[in-house]
PDB file of N, CA and C in Angstrom:
ATOM      1  N   UNK A   1      99.965  12.825 192.757  1.00  0.00           N
ATOM      2  CA  UNK A   1      98.664  13.466 192.771  1.00  0.00           C
ATOM      3  C   UNK A   1      97.728  12.621 193.606  1.00  0.00           C
ATOM      4  N   UNK A   2      96.850  13.286 194.328  1.00  0.00           N
ATOM      5  CA  UNK A   2      95.853  12.573 195.124  1.00  0.00           C
ATOM      6  C   UNK A   2      94.722  12.095 194.242  1.00  0.00           C
ATOM      7  N   UNK A   3      93.702  11.515 194.860  1.00  0.00           N
ATOM      8  CA  UNK A   3      92.570  10.967 194.114  1.00  0.00           C
ATOM      9  C   UNK A   3      91.760  12.056 193.418  1.00  0.00           C
ATOM     10  N   UNK A   4      91.771  13.263 193.935  1.00  0.00           N
ATOM     11  CA  UNK A   4      91.033  14.344 193.293  1.00  0.00           C
ATOM     12  C   UNK A   4      91.974  15.134 192.393  1.00  0.00           C
ATOM     13  N   UNK A   5      91.406  16.028 191.616  1.00  0.00           N
ATOM     14  CA  UNK A   5      92.218  16.836 190.709  1.00  0.00           C
ATOM     15  C   UNK A   5      93.092  17.787 191.516  1.00  0.00           C
ATOM     16  N   UNK A   6      94.324  17.930 191.105  1.00  0.00           N
ATOM     17  CA  UNK A   6      95.248  18.819 191.785  1.00  0.00           C
ATOM     18  C   UNK A   6      95.409  20.129 191.034  1.00  0.00           C
ATOM     19  N   UNK A   7      96.441  20.894 191.398  1.00  0.00           N
ATOM     20  CA  UNK A   7      96.676  22.200 190.789  1.00  0.00           C
ATOM     21  C   UNK A   7      96.980  22.097 189.299  1.00  0.00           C
ATOM     22  N   UNK A   8      97.575  20.998 188.867  1.00  0.00           N
ATOM     23  CA  UNK A   8      97.959  20.844 187.469  1.00  0.00           C
ATOM     24  C   UNK A   8      96.996  19.975 186.680  1.00  0.00           C
ATOM     25  N   UNK A   9      95.772  19.855 187.193  1.00  0.00           N
ATOM     26  CA  UNK A   9      94.770  19.060 186.496  1.00  0.00           C
ATOM     27  C   UNK A   9      93.404  19.723 186.627  1.00  0.00           C
ATOM     28  N   UNK A  10      92.503  19.326 185.734  1.00  0.00           N
ATOM     29  CA  UNK A  10      91.159  19.900 185.696  1.00  0.00           C
ATOM     30  C   UNK A  10      90.172  18.782 185.395  1.00  0.00           C
ATOM     31  N   UNK A  11      89.089  18.722 186.174  1.00  0.00           N
ATOM     32  CA  UNK A  11      88.029  17.742 185.927  1.00  0.00           C
ATOM     33  C   UNK A  11      87.077  18.313 184.881  1.00  0.00           C
ATOM     34  N   UNK A  12      86.826  17.524 183.855  1.00  0.00           N
ATOM     35  CA  UNK A  12      85.895  17.885 182.783  1.00  0.00           C
ATOM     36  C   UNK A  12      84.708  16.928 182.871  1.00  0.00           C
ATOM     37  N   UNK A  13      83.512  17.480 182.945  1.00  0.00           N
ATOM     38  CA  UNK A  13      82.302  16.670 183.082  1.00  0.00           C
ATOM     39  C   UNK A  13      81.652  16.346 181.733  1.00  0.00           C
ATOM     40  N   UNK A  14      81.890  17.166 180.732  1.00  0.00           N
ATOM     41  CA  UNK A  14      81.263  16.996 179.428  1.00  0.00           C
ATOM     42  C   UNK A  14      82.064  16.050 178.534  1.00  0.00           C
ATOM     43  N   UNK A  15      81.455  14.936 178.092  1.00  0.00           N
ATOM     44  CA  UNK A  15      82.164  14.045 177.169  1.00  0.00           C
ATOM     45  C   UNK A  15      82.501  14.735 175.842  1.00  0.00           C
ATOM     46  N   UNK A  16      81.633  15.653 175.405  1.00  0.00           N
ATOM     47  CA  UNK A  16      81.889  16.358 174.158  1.00  0.00           C
ATOM     48  C   UNK A  16      83.121  17.251 174.278  1.00  0.00           C
ATOM     49  N   UNK A  17      83.228  17.966 175.389  1.00  0.00           N
ATOM     50  CA  UNK A  17      84.398  18.806 175.613  1.00  0.00           C
ATOM     51  C   UNK A  17      85.642  17.938 175.773  1.00  0.00           C
ATOM     52  N   UNK A  18      85.542  16.837 176.485  1.00  0.00           N
ATOM     53  CA  UNK A  18      86.685  15.934 176.652  1.00  0.00           C
ATOM     54  C   UNK A  18      87.173  15.429 175.299  1.00  0.00           C
ATOM     55  N   UNK A  19      86.254  15.061 174.429  1.00  0.00           N
ATOM     56  CA  UNK A  19      86.609  14.587 173.094  1.00  0.00           C
ATOM     57  C   UNK A  19      87.313  15.688 172.300  1.00  0.00           C
ATOM     58  N   UNK A  20      86.811  16.916 172.406  1.00  0.00           N
ATOM     59  CA  UNK A  20      87.429  18.058 171.726  1.00  0.00           C
ATOM     60  C   UNK A  20      88.856  18.270 172.228  1.00  0.00           C
ATOM     61  N   UNK A  21      89.034  18.239 173.542  1.00  0.00           N
ATOM     62  CA  UNK A  21      90.365  18.451 174.114  1.00  0.00           C
ATOM     63  C   UNK A  21      91.325  17.338 173.694  1.00  0.00           C
ATOM     64  N   UNK A  22      90.846  16.103 173.657  1.00  0.00           N
ATOM     65  CA  UNK A  22      91.683  14.998 173.168  1.00  0.00           C
ATOM     66  C   UNK A  22      92.106  15.231 171.724  1.00  0.00           C
ATOM     67  N   UNK A  23      91.167  15.672 170.890  1.00  0.00           N
ATOM     68  CA  UNK A  23      91.469  15.938 169.488  1.00  0.00           C
ATOM     69  C   UNK A  23      92.493  17.062 169.333  1.00  0.00           C
ATOM     70  N   UNK A  24      92.507  17.997 170.296  1.00  0.00           N
ATOM     71  CA  UNK A  24      93.472  19.096 170.270  1.00  0.00           C
ATOM     72  C   UNK A  24      94.827  18.677 170.850  1.00  0.00           C
ATOM     73  N   UNK A  25      94.932  17.449 171.355  1.00  0.00           N
ATOM     74  CA  UNK A  25      96.208  16.938 171.829  1.00  0.00           C
ATOM     75  C   UNK A  25      96.427  16.992 173.333  1.00  0.00           C
ATOM     76  N   UNK A  26      95.401  17.351 174.100  1.00  0.00           N
ATOM     77  CA  UNK A  26      95.541  17.385 175.558  1.00  0.00           C
ATOM     78  C   UNK A  26      95.381  15.972 176.116  1.00  0.00           C
ATOM     79  N   UNK A  27      95.910  15.736 177.305  1.00  0.00           N
ATOM     80  CA  UNK A  27      96.038  14.395 177.855  1.00  0.00           C
ATOM     81  C   UNK A  27      95.104  14.156 179.037  1.00  0.00           C
ATOM     82  N   UNK A  28      94.350  13.049 178.947  1.00  0.00           N
ATOM     83  CA  UNK A  28      93.565  12.582 180.092  1.00  0.00           C
ATOM     84  C   UNK A  28      94.528  11.839 181.011  1.00  0.00           C
ATOM     85  N   UNK A  29      94.541  12.226 182.284  1.00  0.00           N
ATOM     86  CA  UNK A  29      95.418  11.530 183.227  1.00  0.00           C
ATOM     87  C   UNK A  29      94.654  10.553 184.116  1.00  0.00           C
ATOM     88  N   UNK A  30      93.323  10.690 184.130  1.00  0.00           N
ATOM     89  CA  UNK A  30      92.522   9.755 184.926  1.00  0.00           C
ATOM     90  C   UNK A  30      91.059   9.832 184.486  1.00  0.00           C
ATOM     91  N   UNK A  31      90.401   8.695 184.477  1.00  0.00           N
ATOM     92  CA  UNK A  31      88.950   8.606 184.301  1.00  0.00           C
ATOM     93  C   UNK A  31      88.371   8.204 185.643  1.00  0.00           C
ATOM     94  N   UNK A  32      87.301   8.871 186.038  1.00  0.00           N
ATOM     95  CA  UNK A  32      86.676   8.564 187.321  1.00  0.00           C
ATOM     96  C   UNK A  32      85.165   8.516 187.145  1.00  0.00           C
ATOM     97  N   UNK A  33      84.474   7.693 187.935  1.00  0.00           N
ATOM     98  CA  UNK A  33      83.007   7.710 187.881  1.00  0.00           C
ATOM     99  C   UNK A  33      82.478   8.995 188.514  1.00  0.00           C
ATOM    100  N   UNK A  34      81.364   9.480 187.981  1.00  0.00           N
ATOM    101  CA  UNK A  34      80.695  10.631 188.597  1.00  0.00           C
ATOM    102  C   UNK A  34      80.161  10.209 189.962  1.00  0.00           C
ATOM    103  N   UNK A  35      80.243  11.105 190.922  1.00  0.00           N
ATOM    104  CA  UNK A  35      79.751  10.772 192.267  1.00  0.00           C
ATOM    105  C   UNK A  35      78.236  10.572 192.283  1.00  0.00           C
ATOM    106  N   UNK A  36      77.507  11.413 191.517  1.00  0.00           N
ATOM    107  CA  UNK A  36      76.044  11.341 191.546  1.00  0.00           C
ATOM    108  C   UNK A  36      75.468  10.330 190.562  1.00  0.00           C
ATOM    109  N   UNK A  37      76.294   9.828 189.630  1.00  0.00           N
ATOM    110  CA  UNK A  37      75.832   8.831 188.668  1.00  0.00           C
ATOM    111  C   UNK A  37      77.029   7.970 188.258  1.00  0.00           C
ATOM    112  N   UNK A  38      77.319   6.922 189.006  1.00  0.00           N
ATOM    113  CA  UNK A  38      78.514   6.111 188.757  1.00  0.00           C
ATOM    114  C   UNK A  38      78.561   5.421 187.396  1.00  0.00           C
ATOM    115  N   UNK A  39      77.453   5.412 186.664  1.00  0.00           N
ATOM    116  CA  UNK A  39      77.485   4.821 185.324  1.00  0.00           C
ATOM    117  C   UNK A  39      78.067   5.791 184.302  1.00  0.00           C
ATOM    118  N   UNK A  40      78.272   7.055 184.693  1.00  0.00           N
ATOM    119  CA  UNK A  40      78.898   8.057 183.827  1.00  0.00           C
ATOM    120  C   UNK A  40      80.282   8.383 184.363  1.00  0.00           C
ATOM    121  N   UNK A  41      81.118   8.951 183.494  1.00  0.00           N
ATOM    122  CA  UNK A  41      82.498   9.249 183.877  1.00  0.00           C
ATOM    123  C   UNK A  41      82.779  10.741 183.844  1.00  0.00           C
ATOM    124  N   UNK A  42      83.799  11.129 184.602  1.00  0.00           N
ATOM    125  CA  UNK A  42      84.394  12.451 184.478  1.00  0.00           C
ATOM    126  C   UNK A  42      85.828  12.230 184.010  1.00  0.00           C
ATOM    127  N   UNK A  43      86.407  13.241 183.396  1.00  0.00           N
ATOM    128  CA  UNK A  43      87.703  13.134 182.753  1.00  0.00           C
ATOM    129  C   UNK A  43      88.655  14.118 183.415  1.00  0.00           C
ATOM    130  N   UNK A  44      89.765  13.625 183.930  1.00  0.00           N
ATOM    131  CA  UNK A  44      90.750  14.484 184.569  1.00  0.00           C
ATOM    132  C   UNK A  44      91.861  14.731 183.547  1.00  0.00           C
ATOM    133  N   UNK A  45      92.034  15.994 183.169  1.00  0.00           N
ATOM    134  CA  UNK A  45      93.027  16.384 182.174  1.00  0.00           C
ATOM    135  C   UNK A  45      94.210  17.069 182.822  1.00  0.00           C
ATOM    136  N   UNK A  46      95.391  16.847 182.257  1.00  0.00           N
ATOM    137  CA  UNK A  46      96.568  17.626 182.621  1.00  0.00           C
ATOM    138  C   UNK A  46      96.402  19.010 181.996  1.00  0.00           C
ATOM    139  N   UNK A  47      96.737  20.042 182.755  1.00  0.00           N
ATOM    140  CA  UNK A  47      96.650  21.404 182.244  1.00  0.00           C
ATOM    141  C   UNK A  47      97.986  21.749 181.586  1.00  0.00           C
ATOM    142  N   UNK A  48      97.959  21.887 180.274  1.00  0.00           N
ATOM    143  CA  UNK A  48      99.131  22.276 179.500  1.00  0.00           C
ATOM    144  C   UNK A  48      98.891  23.646 178.894  1.00  0.00           C
ATOM    145  N   UNK A  49      99.917  24.196 178.256  1.00  0.00           N
ATOM    146  CA  UNK A  49      99.795  25.504 177.611  1.00  0.00           C
ATOM    147  C   UNK A  49      98.595  25.536 176.673  1.00  0.00           C
ATOM    148  N   UNK A  50      97.791  26.568 176.777  1.00  0.00           N
ATOM    149  CA  UNK A  50      96.646  26.756 175.901  1.00  0.00           C
ATOM    150  C   UNK A  50      95.400  25.991 176.306  1.00  0.00           C
ATOM    151  N   UNK A  51      95.445  25.277 177.419  1.00  0.00           N
ATOM    152  CA  UNK A  51      94.323  24.423 177.837  1.00  0.00           C
ATOM    153  C   UNK A  51      93.035  25.237 178.014  1.00  0.00           C
ATOM    154  N   UNK A  52      93.113  26.301 178.792  1.00  0.00           N
ATOM    155  CA  UNK A  52      91.904  27.093 179.056  1.00  0.00           C
ATOM    156  C   UNK A  52      91.442  27.839 177.809  1.00  0.00           C
ATOM    157  N   UNK A  53      92.362  28.214 176.950  1.00  0.00           N
ATOM    158  CA  UNK A  53      91.982  28.842 175.685  1.00  0.00           C
ATOM    159  C   UNK A  53      91.218  27.860 174.803  1.00  0.00           C
ATOM    160  N   UNK A  54      91.630  26.579 174.820  1.00  0.00           N
ATOM    161  CA  UNK A  54      90.927  25.549 174.052  1.00  0.00           C
ATOM    162  C   UNK A  54      89.506  25.357 174.580  1.00  0.00           C
ATOM    163  N   UNK A  55      89.344  25.413 175.898  1.00  0.00           N
ATOM    164  CA  UNK A  55      88.000  25.307 176.479  1.00  0.00           C
ATOM    165  C   UNK A  55      87.152  26.498 176.051  1.00  0.00           C
ATOM    166  N   UNK A  56      87.720  27.693 176.108  1.00  0.00           N
ATOM    167  CA  UNK A  56      86.989  28.889 175.674  1.00  0.00           C
ATOM    168  C   UNK A  56      86.590  28.790 174.209  1.00  0.00           C
ATOM    169  N   UNK A  57      87.500  28.278 173.373  1.00  0.00           N
ATOM    170  CA  UNK A  57      87.219  28.106 171.949  1.00  0.00           C
ATOM    171  C   UNK A  57      86.057  27.139 171.749  1.00  0.00           C
ATOM    172  N   UNK A  58      86.072  26.022 172.477  1.00  0.00           N
ATOM    173  CA  UNK A  58      84.990  25.035 172.374  1.00  0.00           C
ATOM    174  C   UNK A  58      83.658  25.652 172.807  1.00  0.00           C
ATOM    175  N   UNK A  59      83.675  26.381 173.921  1.00  0.00           N
ATOM    176  CA  UNK A  59      82.447  27.025 174.405  1.00  0.00           C
ATOM    177  C   UNK A  59      81.915  28.017 173.386  1.00  0.00           C
ATOM    178  N   UNK A  60      82.796  28.824 172.805  1.00  0.00           N
ATOM    179  CA  UNK A  60      82.381  29.819 171.816  1.00  0.00           C
ATOM    180  C   UNK A  60      81.734  29.140 170.610  1.00  0.00           C
ATOM    181  N   UNK A  61      82.299  28.025 170.176  1.00  0.00           N
ATOM    182  CA  UNK A  61      81.783  27.331 168.987  1.00  0.00           C
ATOM    183  C   UNK A  61      80.588  26.441 169.279  1.00  0.00           C
ATOM    184  N   UNK A  62      80.246  26.242 170.549  1.00  0.00           N
ATOM    185  CA  UNK A  62      79.142  25.351 170.907  1.00  0.00           C
ATOM    186  C   UNK A  62      78.046  26.049 171.707  1.00  0.00           C
ATOM    187  N   UNK A  63      77.969  27.359 171.565  1.00  0.00           N
ATOM    188  CA  UNK A  63      76.905  28.085 172.239  1.00  0.00           C
ATOM    189  C   UNK A  63      75.615  27.819 171.479  1.00  0.00           C
ATOM    190  N   UNK A  64      74.610  27.350 172.217  1.00  0.00           N
ATOM    191  CA  UNK A  64      73.334  27.095 171.558  1.00  0.00           C
ATOM    192  C   UNK A  64      72.564  28.392 171.426  1.00  0.00           C
ATOM    193  N   UNK A  65      72.002  28.587 170.279  1.00  0.00           N
ATOM    194  CA  UNK A  65      71.209  29.800 170.055  1.00  0.00           C
ATOM    195  C   UNK A  65      69.788  29.543 170.546  1.00  0.00           C
ATOM    196  N   UNK A  66      69.329  30.378 171.474  1.00  0.00           N
ATOM    197  CA  UNK A  66      67.977  30.191 171.979  1.00  0.00           C
ATOM    198  C   UNK A  66      67.135  31.396 171.720  1.00  0.00           C
TER     199      UNK A  66
END
């Protein structure tokens, strides 16, 4: 894999979502500094079965009511 995310990986910018995905058993394959704020990180995850469904589940459960 190159330095950026490839076809079998996805960059996650939200630490909360990254933590949720880790708790669900998905794997971080790389941590990288954010380009616009190097003191923060982005999380590169391997895309496994159910990965996008887990993201949808997290989004559904974390919608802020305004």
